[in-house]
Structures are given as structure tokens and as C-alpha cells.
Protein backbone atom coordinates (compact mmCIF):
# COMPACT_ATOMS: atom_id res chain seq x y z
CA MET A 1 1.95 -46.38 -47.48
CA SER A 2 4.97 -43.73 -47.94
CA VAL A 3 4.54 -40.39 -47.87
CA ILE A 4 3.95 -38.60 -51.06
CA LEU A 5 5.51 -35.23 -51.69
CA ALA A 6 6.33 -33.30 -54.79
CA SER A 7 6.61 -29.87 -55.45
CA ALA A 8 6.81 -27.83 -58.88
CA GLY A 9 7.03 -24.55 -60.53
CA TYR A 10 8.76 -21.89 -62.98
CA ASP A 11 11.78 -24.13 -63.55
CA HIS A 12 9.38 -26.85 -65.49
CA THR A 13 10.41 -29.57 -63.39
CA ILE A 14 8.16 -31.73 -61.19
CA ARG A 15 10.27 -32.93 -58.10
CA PHE A 16 9.49 -35.95 -55.81
CA TRP A 17 11.24 -35.71 -52.39
CA ASP A 18 12.45 -37.89 -49.62
CA ALA A 19 10.62 -36.77 -46.34
CA LEU A 20 13.18 -38.06 -44.24
CA THR A 21 16.10 -36.92 -45.66
CA GLY A 22 15.28 -33.65 -48.06
CA VAL A 23 16.81 -35.21 -51.01
CA CYS A 24 15.21 -34.89 -53.99
CA SER A 25 14.24 -38.70 -55.04
CA ARG A 26 13.16 -38.39 -58.87
CA THR A 27 12.57 -35.31 -61.38
CA ILE A 28 10.15 -34.84 -64.21
CA GLN A 29 10.88 -32.32 -66.69
CA HIS A 30 7.32 -30.91 -67.68
CA THR A 31 8.31 -29.24 -70.94
CA ASP A 32 5.19 -27.59 -71.95
CA SER A 33 5.23 -24.50 -69.29
CA GLN A 34 5.46 -23.79 -65.60
CA VAL A 35 3.71 -25.80 -63.50
CA ASN A 36 0.67 -23.77 -61.55
CA ARG A 37 -0.56 -26.43 -59.23
CA LEU A 38 -0.10 -30.05 -58.33
CA GLU A 39 -2.77 -32.77 -57.07
CA ILE A 40 -2.40 -36.12 -55.74
CA THR A 41 -5.16 -38.46 -56.32
CA SER A 42 -6.50 -40.11 -52.64
CA ASP A 43 -5.29 -43.65 -53.69
CA LYS A 44 -1.83 -42.21 -54.24
CA ARG A 45 -1.60 -43.61 -57.77
CA PHE A 46 -1.57 -40.33 -59.62
CA LEU A 47 -0.23 -37.11 -59.63
CA ALA A 48 -1.80 -34.27 -61.78
CA ALA A 49 -0.17 -31.27 -62.60
CA ALA A 50 -1.74 -28.10 -64.23
CA GLY A 51 0.26 -26.14 -66.48
CA ASN A 52 -0.16 -23.63 -69.33
CA LEU A 53 -3.22 -24.99 -71.45
CA TYR A 54 -2.89 -28.59 -70.06
CA VAL A 55 -2.92 -30.72 -67.44
CA ARG A 56 -0.98 -33.76 -67.49
CA LEU A 57 -1.50 -36.80 -65.37
CA TYR A 58 1.48 -39.05 -64.27
CA ASP A 59 1.75 -42.74 -62.81
CA ILE A 60 3.20 -41.84 -59.24
CA LYS A 61 4.96 -45.68 -59.16
CA GLN A 62 6.88 -44.76 -62.47
CA ALA A 63 7.62 -41.27 -61.49
CA GLY A 64 8.87 -42.38 -58.29
CA SER A 65 7.85 -41.66 -54.55
CA ALA A 66 9.23 -40.20 -51.49
CA GLY A 67 10.04 -42.35 -48.79
CA GLY A 68 9.39 -42.49 -44.95
CA ASN A 69 5.87 -43.53 -43.09
CA THR A 70 4.77 -40.30 -41.87
CA MET A 71 5.60 -36.23 -41.62
CA ALA A 72 6.46 -37.14 -38.28
CA ALA A 73 9.76 -39.02 -39.00
CA SER A 74 11.05 -36.72 -41.19
CA THR A 75 11.98 -34.65 -38.37
CA ALA A 76 14.63 -37.38 -36.99
CA SER A 77 17.74 -35.39 -37.91
CA GLY A 78 18.88 -32.33 -39.51
CA ALA A 79 17.09 -29.57 -41.60
CA GLY A 80 18.82 -29.95 -44.67
CA GLY A 81 18.49 -31.46 -47.82
CA THR A 82 19.12 -31.04 -51.65
CA GLY A 83 19.96 -33.16 -54.86
CA ASN A 84 18.39 -33.20 -58.16
CA GLY A 85 17.47 -36.63 -57.91
CA SER A 86 17.28 -39.04 -61.10
CA SER A 87 15.91 -37.30 -64.07
CA SER A 88 12.94 -39.04 -66.00
CA SER A 89 11.32 -37.78 -68.59
CA SER A 90 8.37 -40.06 -67.73
CA ASN A 91 5.77 -39.66 -70.13
CA PRO A 92 1.92 -38.90 -68.75
CA VAL A 93 -0.64 -41.57 -68.70
CA MET A 94 -3.15 -39.03 -69.75
CA THR A 95 -3.60 -35.49 -70.79
CA PHE A 96 -6.47 -33.22 -70.83
CA GLU A 97 -6.79 -30.58 -73.58
CA GLY A 98 -9.37 -28.05 -73.72
CA HIS A 99 -8.60 -24.96 -71.83
CA ASN A 100 -7.36 -21.64 -73.49
CA GLY A 101 -5.07 -20.51 -70.54
CA ASN A 102 -3.39 -21.38 -67.60
CA VAL A 103 -4.95 -23.95 -65.45
CA THR A 104 -5.07 -22.48 -61.98
CA LEU A 105 -6.53 -25.14 -59.79
CA ILE A 106 -7.13 -29.03 -59.90
CA ALA A 107 -9.69 -30.63 -57.49
CA PHE A 108 -10.76 -34.71 -57.72
CA GLN A 109 -13.74 -36.03 -56.85
CA ILE A 110 -13.65 -38.43 -53.65
CA GLU A 111 -13.41 -41.88 -55.68
CA ASN A 112 -11.24 -39.93 -58.44
CA LYS A 113 -13.52 -40.73 -61.25
CA TRP A 114 -13.93 -37.22 -62.39
CA MET A 115 -12.06 -33.81 -61.43
CA VAL A 116 -12.76 -30.09 -62.07
CA LEU A 117 -10.16 -27.49 -63.26
CA SER A 118 -10.22 -23.79 -63.03
CA SER A 119 -8.49 -21.48 -65.59
CA GLU A 120 -7.60 -17.84 -66.33
CA ASP A 121 -9.42 -18.75 -69.57
CA GLY A 122 -12.62 -18.00 -67.62
CA THR A 123 -14.27 -21.29 -67.24
CA VAL A 124 -14.49 -24.02 -64.52
CA LYS A 125 -14.58 -27.30 -66.53
CA VAL A 126 -15.36 -31.09 -65.15
CA TRP A 127 -13.66 -33.97 -66.88
CA ASP A 128 -14.42 -37.56 -66.76
CA VAL A 129 -10.93 -38.87 -65.50
CA ARG A 130 -11.53 -42.36 -67.15
CA SER A 131 -11.71 -41.19 -70.96
CA PRO A 132 -10.86 -37.53 -71.02
CA SER A 133 -13.91 -35.39 -71.80
CA VAL A 134 -15.62 -32.27 -70.65
CA GLN A 135 -18.62 -33.07 -68.87
CA ARG A 136 -19.55 -29.68 -67.32
CA ASN A 137 -18.47 -26.21 -68.85
CA TYR A 138 -19.08 -23.18 -66.59
CA LYS A 139 -18.16 -19.68 -67.44
CA HIS A 140 -16.88 -16.61 -65.23
CA TYR A 141 -15.98 -14.37 -67.93
CA CYS A 142 -12.68 -13.39 -66.42
CA PRO A 143 -10.01 -15.52 -65.11
CA VAL A 144 -10.99 -18.03 -62.28
CA ASN A 145 -8.31 -18.60 -59.57
CA GLU A 146 -9.44 -21.46 -57.90
CA VAL A 147 -12.40 -23.99 -57.47
CA VAL A 148 -13.35 -26.36 -54.70
CA ILE A 149 -15.32 -29.35 -54.55
CA HIS A 150 -18.09 -29.51 -51.64
CA PRO A 151 -18.04 -32.63 -49.64
CA ASN A 152 -21.29 -33.36 -50.78
CA GLN A 153 -19.42 -34.10 -54.18
CA GLY A 154 -22.56 -32.37 -55.84
CA GLU A 155 -21.73 -28.76 -56.10
CA LEU A 156 -18.78 -26.54 -57.12
CA ILE A 157 -17.20 -23.51 -55.58
CA SER A 158 -15.01 -21.04 -57.88
CA CYS A 159 -13.65 -17.86 -57.23
CA ASP A 160 -12.12 -15.17 -59.82
CA HIS A 161 -10.03 -12.17 -60.58
CA ASP A 162 -13.10 -9.39 -60.47
CA GLY A 163 -13.90 -10.69 -56.70
CA ASN A 164 -16.86 -13.14 -57.59
CA ILE A 165 -17.70 -16.11 -55.66
CA ARG A 166 -19.95 -18.48 -57.55
CA ILE A 167 -21.56 -21.82 -56.48
CA TRP A 168 -22.67 -24.46 -59.01
CA ASP A 169 -25.09 -27.53 -58.61
CA LEU A 170 -23.87 -30.31 -60.86
CA GLY A 171 -27.37 -31.72 -60.61
CA GLU A 172 -28.96 -28.47 -61.35
CA ASN A 173 -26.16 -27.59 -63.69
CA GLN A 174 -26.48 -23.90 -62.97
CA CYS A 175 -24.89 -21.42 -60.77
CA THR A 176 -26.89 -21.36 -57.65
CA HIS A 177 -25.13 -18.71 -55.34
CA HIS A 178 -23.24 -15.44 -56.23
CA LEU A 179 -21.02 -13.65 -53.54
CA ILE A 180 -19.32 -10.54 -54.20
CA PRO A 181 -17.31 -9.77 -50.84
CA GLU A 182 -15.44 -6.74 -52.18
CA ASP A 183 -15.70 -4.95 -55.30
CA ASP A 184 -13.20 -5.44 -58.23
CA VAL A 185 -10.86 -7.39 -55.46
CA PRO A 186 -9.74 -10.30 -57.16
CA ILE A 187 -10.32 -13.69 -54.53
CA ASN A 188 -7.10 -16.06 -54.75
CA SER A 189 -8.37 -19.01 -52.89
CA LEU A 190 -10.98 -20.59 -51.44
CA SER A 191 -11.35 -23.62 -48.76
CA VAL A 192 -14.27 -25.43 -47.47
CA ALA A 193 -14.62 -27.30 -44.33
CA SER A 194 -14.50 -31.08 -44.40
CA ASP A 195 -18.03 -31.31 -43.25
CA GLY A 196 -19.21 -28.66 -45.24
CA SER A 197 -20.15 -26.34 -42.91
CA MET A 198 -18.01 -23.56 -43.27
CA LEU A 199 -16.50 -21.54 -46.38
CA VAL A 200 -13.51 -19.18 -46.36
CA ALA A 201 -12.23 -16.89 -49.05
CA GLY A 202 -8.98 -14.87 -49.42
CA ASN A 203 -8.61 -12.15 -51.31
CA ASN A 204 -5.79 -9.38 -52.80
CA LYS A 205 -6.26 -7.08 -49.76
CA GLY A 206 -5.12 -9.58 -47.38
CA ASN A 207 -8.69 -9.92 -46.19
CA CYS A 208 -9.94 -13.33 -45.25
CA TYR A 209 -13.91 -13.78 -45.29
CA VAL A 210 -16.04 -16.43 -43.75
CA TRP A 211 -19.36 -18.01 -44.25
CA LYS A 212 -21.42 -20.47 -42.25
CA MET A 213 -23.21 -23.24 -44.42
CA GLN A 214 -26.34 -23.91 -42.31
CA ASN A 215 -27.24 -26.93 -44.81
CA GLN A 216 -24.29 -28.97 -44.44
CA LYS A 217 -25.12 -31.76 -47.29
CA ASP A 218 -26.21 -29.02 -49.98
CA ILE A 219 -25.77 -25.34 -49.84
CA THR A 220 -29.06 -23.71 -49.36
CA SER A 221 -27.93 -20.71 -47.39
CA LEU A 222 -24.91 -18.81 -46.56
CA THR A 223 -24.37 -16.83 -43.53
CA PRO A 224 -21.63 -14.17 -43.21
CA ALA A 225 -19.67 -15.17 -40.01
CA THR A 226 -16.46 -12.94 -39.70
CA LYS A 227 -14.15 -11.07 -41.72
CA PHE A 228 -10.64 -10.31 -40.63
CA ARG A 229 -7.08 -8.99 -41.80
CA SER A 230 -4.76 -11.98 -42.44
CA HIS A 231 -2.01 -10.27 -44.17
CA LEU A 232 -1.08 -6.94 -45.00
CA LYS A 233 -0.34 -7.95 -48.85
CA TYR A 234 -1.85 -10.59 -51.12
CA ILE A 235 -3.49 -13.68 -49.97
CA THR A 236 -1.94 -16.36 -52.08
CA ARG A 237 -3.53 -19.36 -50.46
CA VAL A 238 -6.10 -20.42 -47.93
CA VAL A 239 -6.48 -23.62 -46.61
CA LEU A 240 -8.63 -25.57 -43.89
CA LEU A 241 -7.25 -28.41 -41.95
CA THR A 242 -9.39 -31.44 -41.95
CA ASP A 243 -10.25 -31.43 -38.45
CA MET A 244 -11.65 -27.46 -39.02
CA LYS A 245 -9.65 -26.17 -36.11
CA HIS A 246 -6.94 -24.52 -37.90
CA LEU A 247 -6.63 -22.13 -41.04
CA ALA A 248 -3.38 -21.66 -43.01
CA THR A 249 -2.89 -18.79 -45.31
CA CYS A 250 0.06 -17.97 -47.42
CA SER A 251 0.71 -14.33 -48.64
CA ALA A 252 3.07 -11.96 -50.83
CA ASP A 253 4.54 -10.89 -47.58
CA HIS A 254 6.72 -13.64 -47.32
CA THR A 255 5.27 -15.45 -44.54
CA ALA A 256 2.75 -18.53 -43.92
CA ARG A 257 0.13 -17.84 -40.72
CA ILE A 258 -1.74 -20.33 -38.74
CA TRP A 259 -5.34 -19.26 -37.33
CA LEU A 260 -7.55 -20.59 -34.79
CA THR A 261 -10.89 -21.01 -36.30
CA GLU A 262 -12.62 -22.03 -32.81
CA GLN A 263 -11.39 -18.93 -31.60
CA ASN A 264 -13.07 -16.39 -34.00
CA PHE A 265 -9.62 -17.00 -36.13
CA ALA A 266 -7.19 -15.63 -33.39
CA LEU A 267 -3.61 -15.88 -35.15
CA GLU A 268 -1.67 -18.80 -33.67
CA THR A 269 1.72 -18.63 -35.52
CA THR A 270 3.49 -16.86 -38.18
CA LEU A 271 5.50 -18.98 -40.15
CA GLN A 272 8.72 -16.64 -41.04
CA GLY A 273 12.00 -17.54 -43.21
CA HIS A 274 10.88 -17.70 -46.59
CA GLN A 275 12.46 -14.73 -48.56
CA ARG A 276 9.79 -14.16 -50.97
CA TRP A 277 6.37 -15.03 -51.78
CA VAL A 278 4.70 -17.83 -50.41
CA TRP A 279 2.45 -19.49 -52.89
CA ASP A 280 1.43 -22.83 -51.42
CA CYS A 281 0.97 -25.38 -48.79
CA ALA A 282 -0.40 -28.61 -47.35
CA PHE A 283 -0.83 -30.10 -43.79
CA SER A 284 0.27 -33.14 -42.55
CA ALA A 285 -2.61 -35.92 -41.70
CA ASP A 286 -1.48 -35.21 -38.16
CA SER A 287 -2.01 -31.70 -38.23
CA ALA A 288 1.52 -31.18 -36.70
CA TYR A 289 3.37 -30.27 -39.84
CA LEU A 290 2.89 -27.74 -42.80
CA VAL A 291 4.75 -27.86 -46.09
CA THR A 292 5.21 -24.73 -47.93
CA ALA A 293 6.56 -23.59 -51.47
CA CYS A 294 8.00 -20.25 -52.30
CA SER A 295 9.02 -17.98 -55.00
CA ASP A 296 12.89 -18.29 -53.34
CA HIS A 297 13.44 -21.67 -54.66
CA TYR A 298 12.60 -23.44 -51.56
CA VAL A 299 10.07 -25.87 -50.15
CA ARG A 300 9.96 -26.18 -46.31
CA LEU A 301 8.60 -28.37 -43.64
CA TRP A 302 7.52 -26.60 -40.41
CA ASP A 303 6.97 -28.10 -37.03
CA LEU A 304 3.68 -26.16 -36.02
CA SER A 305 4.69 -26.74 -32.10
CA ASN A 306 7.08 -24.36 -32.23
CA SER A 307 7.02 -22.48 -35.78
CA GLU A 308 10.51 -23.60 -36.63
CA THR A 309 11.53 -25.23 -40.15
CA VAL A 310 12.69 -28.98 -39.71
CA ARG A 311 13.79 -29.38 -43.23
CA HIS A 312 14.52 -27.71 -46.76
CA TYR A 313 13.52 -29.22 -49.71
CA ASN A 314 16.50 -27.49 -51.78
CA GLY A 315 16.60 -28.47 -55.47
CA HIS A 316 14.45 -25.90 -57.69
CA HIS A 317 16.20 -23.43 -59.77
CA LYS A 318 12.95 -20.74 -60.03
CA GLY A 319 10.39 -20.36 -57.89
CA ALA A 320 8.42 -23.13 -56.41
CA VAL A 321 4.68 -22.21 -56.38
CA CYS A 322 3.00 -25.53 -55.85
CA VAL A 323 3.09 -28.48 -53.49
CA ALA A 324 1.43 -31.68 -53.00
CA LEU A 325 1.31 -33.56 -50.07
CA ASN A 326 -0.21 -37.12 -49.13
CA ASP A 327 1.08 -38.85 -45.69
CA VAL A 328 -2.21 -40.51 -44.80
């Protein structure tokens, strides 16, 4: 199947990109608000866009998808790429209404039957995707910045502006763990290892905290593993690679960095070139490339073997703050 690469931000558009050429192949107008986060379903059928109050679900085939068979192919020629693409006012196939603030993250259950949303309204809500309805509603009492689904599909992990990490057991329907790495320091992002063995959190001081999970099937215990300074400014995003050998961090310091998890999170490379805050990133399936989204309006494709930009995706008129990639 083709590469699905999309980005969005403050210009109220969602843009699909041809991974080979860097040209914008299709644009969806998202008139409600800025787009805070994008997520592609595992079957590549739908793209979810989180904004202020709402999440819109779009049919990718109707919206247009980017070309190319793999991200590796996108390095074939040149680094440029522009264009507005054909504009589309594609109507969403479904809308999820129920939050009272910005929706900050979307995560789909492995079979796409339900999804979880976090919001600045202080809640984490679990939605039935097949018939939009809230199945679970958990409260943080302050803005929630992210939520992730544990690989066991039965637990959620969320973080908030007051510096809390909470683990929710969907079966017991309650919070089972409460962590506070640093008092009153917002935690902006979380990532959990694909086998459930590790949890990483990044905060406003540029610190990353790592915990080992001794029982990988369910979170019965969390053991602090390490803490390291990854950036001198806010961390905006942390993402563990599927093979768990690398961690990517994005920051307000205009860089993204790659860390070696098996070498006590030693720094492997710093990706420099963006001119403003780097908000989001996504690894390619083969681990060779990273896509980043930045307030400088650019989305970039990086070759991690040499830390060079091999493609610019240029078309947003305001900051690009989120990116979604599926090249499996």
C-alpha cells in the first residue's frame, strides 16, 4: 500500500503529501479550529484530526493519499517540494463531540474499535468508534496533555499540566497508579514501549524520565530506571521506536534528537535545521527516517543515517504542529 503522510497545524488545513516528490497532493479545509493532533487508523482507512472541542474522522481514500511505496523511496531525488494540491472540503465521516477544550491527543485501539482522547478540559475519554459514544470518562482536574494505550489494550497512561502521570485500568475502571516526577512541572508527552516494558515521559524542563514495567502484560509495578536532560527547553514530544532501540524527542529549542535506549539513552544525533519549535515527529517503519513538524511552517523528512534533511514539505501558511505517517 502507499505511504500515508499528512500534516496539519494553525492554518486550519490538513495536507496530504506525496512522499516521493514532496508535493502536496490534497488539502482538506478544517474550518473548526487549528488541528492539534493527527492519527491514522492501522488499516489506513481513516484519518482523525483533533481540534478545539471536536475530533473529525475523515475517509483517507476520499481525502486523497500520498504516493510511493516506502519512505526509503522518497530520497530518490531532490530535497524540495511545494504546492497546495487540490483543495477539498471533504466532509468528515464522523464527528466526536463531548470535550470542552482543545483535544490534545488521539490513540486508537489496535483493531480501531475504540479510541481514547485527552483534552485541556481535564478529562480522558474513551469513545466507541463504531457509534460515537463515551464509554469511559476519567478526570485529571487540570489540562491533560497526552494519553497512550498500553500494548495490553487494557490500560491507559495519561499526563497533565500539573506534572501528574496516571494509569487507568479499563477493566477496574479506575486509576491504579499515580506518579509525580517533578512537582508542578508540566509533562507534555508520553511513550510506552511496544512490548510494554518501558515508559518514557518528557517535561517542560527538558527532562526525560524512564520507568521499567516489571509485568509487561499489566502494569503491576513501575521501577524508576533513569532520568536525563534531553533539551534545555520544553520537550514537546517523545516517541519510542517500535523496536525500542531509539527514542526521539522534539523541543522548543528548534531541534529533534535521537537517543539510544540500550546505551542508557546516550545521544545518537541532533537534527538541526528547523527555525522554531519542533512540535511532533514520526518514525518510518524501517527506522531509517524521521518526519518532523515545526512552527516554521515546514514538515521535514530526515535521513537518520546522516542527520540530513532529504525532503521539505512546504505548503502550510502557519505553524505545522502535527504529523501522521503510515508507510507499513
